[in-house]
Amino acid sequence: MPVPQRVIFLVEQASCLFIKSLFKMVQHLRKTKLTNFIQMKIKAIHHVAIICSDYEASKKFYVEVLGCSIIKETFRTERNSYKLDLRVGNGDTIELFSFPHPPERVNNPEACGLRHLAFAVEDIEASVAYLKSQEVEVENIRLDEITEKRFTFFRDPDNLPLEIYEI
């Protein structure tokens, strides 16, 4: 049995209205904050987490030697672990964790994953002199061939490579 013209006309009109509504909805989504569901917009690095083997030695190093300030210190009984939130400079955060018997970090040869943590300093020579006065071994100052800025490396108590980079 053939479909009446009137029914065909109504189906075509409904399809057209549906497509127009769908188009308007997509335009609306593009204009609103709902696009955050479609696209992630990273604002900044929130924190860097470091696991240490000797909590007291690492706490002393990051607070007394590097000058980080303590935001909050928490002992987590269920994990037999400390979590120390540290403020770096004007607002960056390091989370220092202790866990019983963490595996050693692979440094040489370098492995995949976080390579090092770099701190921005204004005077690299003064920073190197200070670190050496605190009995921290510091590599020779080098020049970044790309940016022509000076930098060097040193290590924390767990041998994590740390960099100071002159800005």
Foldseek 3Di string as FASTA:
>chain_A
DDDDPVVVVVVVVVVVVVVVVVVVVVVVCVVDPVCCVVDPDDDDDAAAEEEDADVVQQVCCCCVQVPWAWPDWDQDVVQNKIWTWTADPPRYIYTYMYGHPDDADDVVPNDPDDNAAEDEDADVVVSVVSCVVVVWDKDDWDADPVVRWIKTWTAGPSRGIYMYTHD
